[in-house]
PDB file of N, CA and C in Angstrom:
ATOM      1  N   MET A   1      25.460 125.518-164.007  1.00  0.00           N
ATOM      2  CA  MET A   1      24.411 126.410-164.312  1.00  0.00           C
ATOM      3  C   MET A   1      25.369 127.467-163.573  1.00  0.00           C
ATOM      4  N   LYS A   2      25.358 128.346-165.409  1.00  0.00           N
ATOM      5  CA  LYS A   2      26.420 129.547-165.139  1.00  0.00           C
ATOM      6  C   LYS A   2      25.127 130.165-164.818  1.00  0.00           C
ATOM      7  N   ASN A   3      24.425 130.901-165.606  1.00  0.00           N
ATOM      8  CA  ASN A   3      23.456 131.206-165.255  1.00  0.00           C
ATOM      9  C   ASN A   3      22.682 131.778-164.101  1.00  0.00           C
ATOM     10  N   GLN A   4      23.249 131.433-163.350  1.00  0.00           N
ATOM     11  CA  GLN A   4      22.777 131.297-161.904  1.00  0.00           C
ATOM     12  C   GLN A   4      21.874 132.919-160.879  1.00  0.00           C
ATOM     13  N   ASN A   5      21.222 133.238-160.743  1.00  0.00           N
ATOM     14  CA  ASN A   5      20.031 133.946-160.812  1.00  0.00           C
ATOM     15  C   ASN A   5      19.424 134.121-159.039  1.00  0.00           C
ATOM     16  N   ILE A   6      19.536 135.216-158.640  1.00  0.00           N
ATOM     17  CA  ILE A   6      19.687 135.476-157.477  1.00  0.00           C
ATOM     18  C   ILE A   6      18.564 135.545-156.518  1.00  0.00           C
ATOM     19  N   PHE A   7      17.410 135.925-157.477  1.00  0.00           N
ATOM     20  CA  PHE A   7      16.126 135.577-157.797  1.00  0.00           C
ATOM     21  C   PHE A   7      15.615 133.612-156.694  1.00  0.00           C
ATOM     22  N   ILE A   8      16.246 133.361-157.910  1.00  0.00           N
ATOM     23  CA  ILE A   8      16.472 132.370-156.628  1.00  0.00           C
ATOM     24  C   ILE A   8      17.474 131.800-156.126  1.00  0.00           C
ATOM     25  N   SER A   9      18.565 132.281-155.988  1.00  0.00           N
ATOM     26  CA  SER A   9      18.951 131.889-154.765  1.00  0.00           C
ATOM     27  C   SER A   9      17.810 132.248-153.557  1.00  0.00           C
ATOM     28  N   LEU A  10      18.389 133.704-153.288  1.00  0.00           N
ATOM     29  CA  LEU A  10      17.137 134.519-152.301  1.00  0.00           C
ATOM     30  C   LEU A  10      15.738 133.212-151.956  1.00  0.00           C
ATOM     31  N   GLY A  11      15.295 132.974-153.119  1.00  0.00           N
ATOM     32  CA  GLY A  11      13.827 132.307-152.838  1.00  0.00           C
ATOM     33  C   GLY A  11      14.182 130.440-151.956  1.00  0.00           C
ATOM     34  N   ILE A  12      15.007 129.947-152.342  1.00  0.00           N
ATOM     35  CA  ILE A  12      15.352 128.917-151.717  1.00  0.00           C
ATOM     36  C   ILE A  12      15.873 128.501-150.350  1.00  0.00           C
ATOM     37  N   VAL A  13      16.967 129.728-150.390  1.00  0.00           N
ATOM     38  CA  VAL A  13      17.341 129.982-148.922  1.00  0.00           C
ATOM     39  C   VAL A  13      16.314 130.911-147.692  1.00  0.00           C
ATOM     40  N   ILE A  14      15.018 131.480-148.551  1.00  0.00           N
ATOM     41  CA  ILE A  14      14.149 131.965-147.373  1.00  0.00           C
ATOM     42  C   ILE A  14      13.366 130.334-146.818  1.00  0.00           C
ATOM     43  N   TYR A  15      13.227 130.085-147.951  1.00  0.00           N
ATOM     44  CA  TYR A  15      11.980 128.846-148.227  1.00  0.00           C
ATOM     45  C   TYR A  15      12.294 127.194-147.033  1.00  0.00           C
ATOM     46  N   ILE A  16      14.119 127.593-147.082  1.00  0.00           N
ATOM     47  CA  ILE A  16      14.847 125.820-145.942  1.00  0.00           C
ATOM     48  C   ILE A  16      15.274 127.045-145.040  1.00  0.00           C
ATOM     49  N   VAL A  17      15.193 128.121-144.346  1.00  0.00           N
ATOM     50  CA  VAL A  17      16.231 128.736-143.481  1.00  0.00           C
ATOM     51  C   VAL A  17      14.113 128.209-142.951  1.00  0.00           C
ATOM     52  N   MET A  18      13.585 129.505-142.770  1.00  0.00           N
ATOM     53  CA  MET A  18      11.800 128.959-142.656  1.00  0.00           C
ATOM     54  C   MET A  18      11.854 127.552-142.847  1.00  0.00           C
ATOM     55  N   SER A  19      11.729 126.589-143.133  1.00  0.00           N
ATOM     56  CA  SER A  19      11.481 125.158-142.743  1.00  0.00           C
ATOM     57  C   SER A  19      12.339 124.482-141.268  1.00  0.00           C
ATOM     58  N   GLY A  20      13.361 125.037-142.034  1.00  0.00           N
ATOM     59  CA  GLY A  20      14.148 124.762-140.847  1.00  0.00           C
ATOM     60  C   GLY A  20      13.773 124.887-139.545  1.00  0.00           C
ATOM     61  N   ILE A  21      13.564 126.767-139.086  1.00  0.00           N
ATOM     62  CA  ILE A  21      13.116 127.082-138.479  1.00  0.00           C
ATOM     63  C   ILE A  21      12.236 126.472-137.460  1.00  0.00           C
ATOM     64  N   ASP A  22      11.101 126.251-138.065  1.00  0.00           N
ATOM     65  CA  ASP A  22       9.840 125.344-137.713  1.00  0.00           C
ATOM     66  C   ASP A  22       9.579 124.781-137.028  1.00  0.00           C
ATOM     67  N   LYS A  23      11.143 123.814-138.514  1.00  0.00           N
ATOM     68  CA  LYS A  23      10.531 122.377-137.479  1.00  0.00           C
ATOM     69  C   LYS A  23      11.937 121.868-136.474  1.00  0.00           C
ATOM     70  N   PHE A  24      13.013 123.395-136.720  1.00  0.00           N
ATOM     71  CA  PHE A  24      14.110 122.804-134.921  1.00  0.00           C
ATOM     72  C   PHE A  24      14.700 123.342-134.525  1.00  0.00           C
ATOM     73  N   VAL A  25      13.485 124.909-134.774  1.00  0.00           N
ATOM     74  CA  VAL A  25      14.369 125.188-133.517  1.00  0.00           C
ATOM     75  C   VAL A  25      12.772 126.132-132.763  1.00  0.00           C
ATOM     76  N   TYR A  26      12.149 126.997-133.529  1.00  0.00           N
ATOM     77  CA  TYR A  26      10.785 127.122-132.781  1.00  0.00           C
ATOM     78  C   TYR A  26       9.004 126.949-133.841  1.00  0.00           C
ATOM     79  N   ARG A  27       8.068 126.513-133.088  1.00  0.00           N
ATOM     80  CA  ARG A  27       7.059 126.451-134.160  1.00  0.00           C
ATOM     81  C   ARG A  27       6.366 127.514-134.537  1.00  0.00           C
ATOM     82  N   LEU A  28       6.642 127.558-135.712  1.00  0.00           N
ATOM     83  CA  LEU A  28       6.401 130.078-136.091  1.00  0.00           C
ATOM     84  C   LEU A  28       4.642 129.722-136.821  1.00  0.00           C
ATOM     85  N   PRO A  29       3.947 130.121-135.555  1.00  0.00           N
ATOM     86  CA  PRO A  29       2.100 130.156-136.400  1.00  0.00           C
ATOM     87  C   PRO A  29       2.286 130.492-137.670  1.00  0.00           C
ATOM     88  N   ASN A  30       1.064 129.949-137.489  1.00  0.00           N
ATOM     89  CA  ASN A  30       0.493 129.686-139.355  1.00  0.00           C
ATOM     90  C   ASN A  30       0.768 131.023-140.812  1.00  0.00           C
ATOM     91  N   MET A  31       0.800 132.455-139.577  1.00  0.00           N
ATOM     92  CA  MET A  31       0.039 133.464-139.747  1.00  0.00           C
ATOM     93  C   MET A  31       1.413 134.570-140.397  1.00  0.00           C
ATOM     94  N   VAL A  32       2.742 133.338-139.534  1.00  0.00           N
ATOM     95  CA  VAL A  32       4.304 133.486-140.444  1.00  0.00           C
ATOM     96  C   VAL A  32       4.528 133.549-141.262  1.00  0.00           C
ATOM     97  N   TYR A  33       4.308 131.374-141.312  1.00  0.00           N
ATOM     98  CA  TYR A  33       5.123 130.675-142.261  1.00  0.00           C
ATOM     99  C   TYR A  33       4.572 130.379-143.003  1.00  0.00           C
ATOM    100  N   ILE A  34       3.239 131.493-143.576  1.00  0.00           N
ATOM    101  CA  ILE A  34       2.909 130.685-144.439  1.00  0.00           C
ATOM    102  C   ILE A  34       3.224 132.262-145.799  1.00  0.00           C
ATOM    103  N   PRO A  35       3.026 133.493-144.653  1.00  0.00           N
ATOM    104  CA  PRO A  35       2.799 134.290-146.258  1.00  0.00           C
ATOM    105  C   PRO A  35       4.556 134.651-146.934  1.00  0.00           C
ATOM    106  N   ILE A  36       5.678 134.224-145.542  1.00  0.00           N
ATOM    107  CA  ILE A  36       7.285 134.552-145.415  1.00  0.00           C
ATOM    108  C   ILE A  36       7.232 133.547-146.719  1.00  0.00           C
ATOM    109  N   ALA A  37       6.679 132.056-147.036  1.00  0.00           N
ATOM    110  CA  ALA A  37       7.141 131.144-148.126  1.00  0.00           C
ATOM    111  C   ALA A  37       6.975 130.983-148.836  1.00  0.00           C
ATOM    112  N   ILE A  38       5.346 131.758-149.519  1.00  0.00           N
ATOM    113  CA  ILE A  38       4.562 132.305-150.601  1.00  0.00           C
ATOM    114  C   ILE A  38       6.238 133.723-151.082  1.00  0.00           C
ATOM    115  N   LEU A  39       5.880 134.927-150.343  1.00  0.00           N
ATOM    116  CA  LEU A  39       7.338 134.691-151.337  1.00  0.00           C
ATOM    117  C   LEU A  39       8.801 134.553-151.356  1.00  0.00           C
ATOM    118  N   GLY A  40       8.406 133.521-151.348  1.00  0.00           N
ATOM    119  CA  GLY A  40      10.140 132.939-151.211  1.00  0.00           C
ATOM    120  C   GLY A  40       9.623 131.318-152.082  1.00  0.00           C
ATOM    121  N   ILE A  41       8.200 130.877-152.516  1.00  0.00           N
ATOM    122  CA  ILE A  41       8.047 130.142-153.550  1.00  0.00           C
ATOM    123  C   ILE A  41       7.994 131.000-155.048  1.00  0.00           C
ATOM    124  N   ILE A  42       6.732 132.745-154.350  1.00  0.00           N
ATOM    125  CA  ILE A  42       7.049 133.666-156.056  1.00  0.00           C
ATOM    126  C   ILE A  42       8.635 133.920-155.660  1.00  0.00           C
ATOM    127  N   LEU A  43       9.644 134.668-155.416  1.00  0.00           N
ATOM    128  CA  LEU A  43      11.013 134.546-155.775  1.00  0.00           C
ATOM    129  C   LEU A  43      11.592 133.480-156.653  1.00  0.00           C
ATOM    130  N   ILE A  44      11.388 132.512-156.529  1.00  0.00           N
ATOM    131  CA  ILE A  44      11.504 131.248-157.143  1.00  0.00           C
ATOM    132  C   ILE A  44      11.075 131.312-159.141  1.00  0.00           C
ATOM    133  N   LEU A  45       9.430 131.537-158.904  1.00  0.00           N
ATOM    134  CA  LEU A  45       9.545 132.035-159.568  1.00  0.00           C
ATOM    135  C   LEU A  45       9.707 132.977-160.817  1.00  0.00           C
ATOM    136  N   ILE A  46      10.414 133.212-160.758  1.00  0.00           N
ATOM    137  CA  ILE A  46       9.661 135.159-160.878  1.00  0.00           C
ATOM    138  C   ILE A  46      11.450 134.278-161.512  1.00  0.00           C
ATOM    139  N   GLY A  47      13.215 134.116-161.158  1.00  0.00           N
ATOM    140  CA  GLY A  47      13.933 133.867-161.301  1.00  0.00           C
ATOM    141  C   GLY A  47      13.441 132.042-162.782  1.00  0.00           C
ATOM    142  N   PHE A  48      12.528 132.179-162.718  1.00  0.00           N
ATOM    143  CA  PHE A  48      12.371 130.985-163.421  1.00  0.00           C
ATOM    144  C   PHE A  48      12.235 131.650-164.851  1.00  0.00           C
ATOM    145  N   LEU A  49      10.883 132.611-164.542  1.00  0.00           N
ATOM    146  CA  LEU A  49      10.655 133.149-165.929  1.00  0.00           C
ATOM    147  C   LEU A  49      11.941 134.656-166.212  1.00  0.00           C
ATOM    148  N   LYS A  50      12.603 134.564-165.540  1.00  0.00           N
ATOM    149  CA  LYS A  50      13.649 135.918-166.116  1.00  0.00           C
ATOM    150  C   LYS A  50      14.651 134.838-166.485  1.00  0.00           C
ATOM    151  N   ILE A  51      15.101 134.008-166.406  1.00  0.00           N
ATOM    152  CA  ILE A  51      15.779 133.388-166.912  1.00  0.00           C
ATOM    153  C   ILE A  51      15.890 132.824-168.591  1.00  0.00           C
ATOM    154  N   LYS A  52      14.439 132.067-169.023  1.00  0.00           N
ATOM    155  CA  LYS A  52      13.479 132.255-169.890  1.00  0.00           C
ATOM    156  C   LYS A  52      13.265 133.268-170.789  1.00  0.00           C
ATOM    157  N   LYS A  53      13.034 134.476-170.206  1.00  0.00           N
ATOM    158  CA  LYS A  53      13.411 135.957-170.794  1.00  0.00           C
ATOM    159  C   LYS A  53      14.062 135.974-171.692  1.00  0.00           C
ATOM    160  N   ASP A  54      15.194 136.158-170.735  1.00  0.00           N
ATOM    161  CA  ASP A  54      17.123 135.620-170.976  1.00  0.00           C
ATOM    162  C   ASP A  54      16.680 135.212-171.952  1.00  0.00           C
ATOM    163  N   ASN A  55      16.933 133.767-172.136  1.00  0.00           N
ATOM    164  CA  ASN A  55      17.181 132.737-173.389  1.00  0.00           C
ATOM    165  C   ASN A  55      16.521 132.793-174.850  1.00  0.00           C
ATOM    166  N   HIS A  56      15.592 134.100-175.005  1.00  0.00           N
ATOM    167  CA  HIS A  56      14.914 133.489-175.834  1.00  0.00           C
ATOM    168  C   HIS A  56      14.887 134.831-176.946  1.00  0.00           C
TER     169      HIS A  56
END
């Protein structure tokens, strides 16, 4: 992975941290969990689109 993208890394970290907190530390309400999880997914998608755009 020589072309590592900060958006993908940040999105994955957000998603993993939120999932870990929700499962093991404190049950987060859906009002908090869902928007932050969507933000993580959007960052991952932006990263993939940026990589695809850079390769063309």
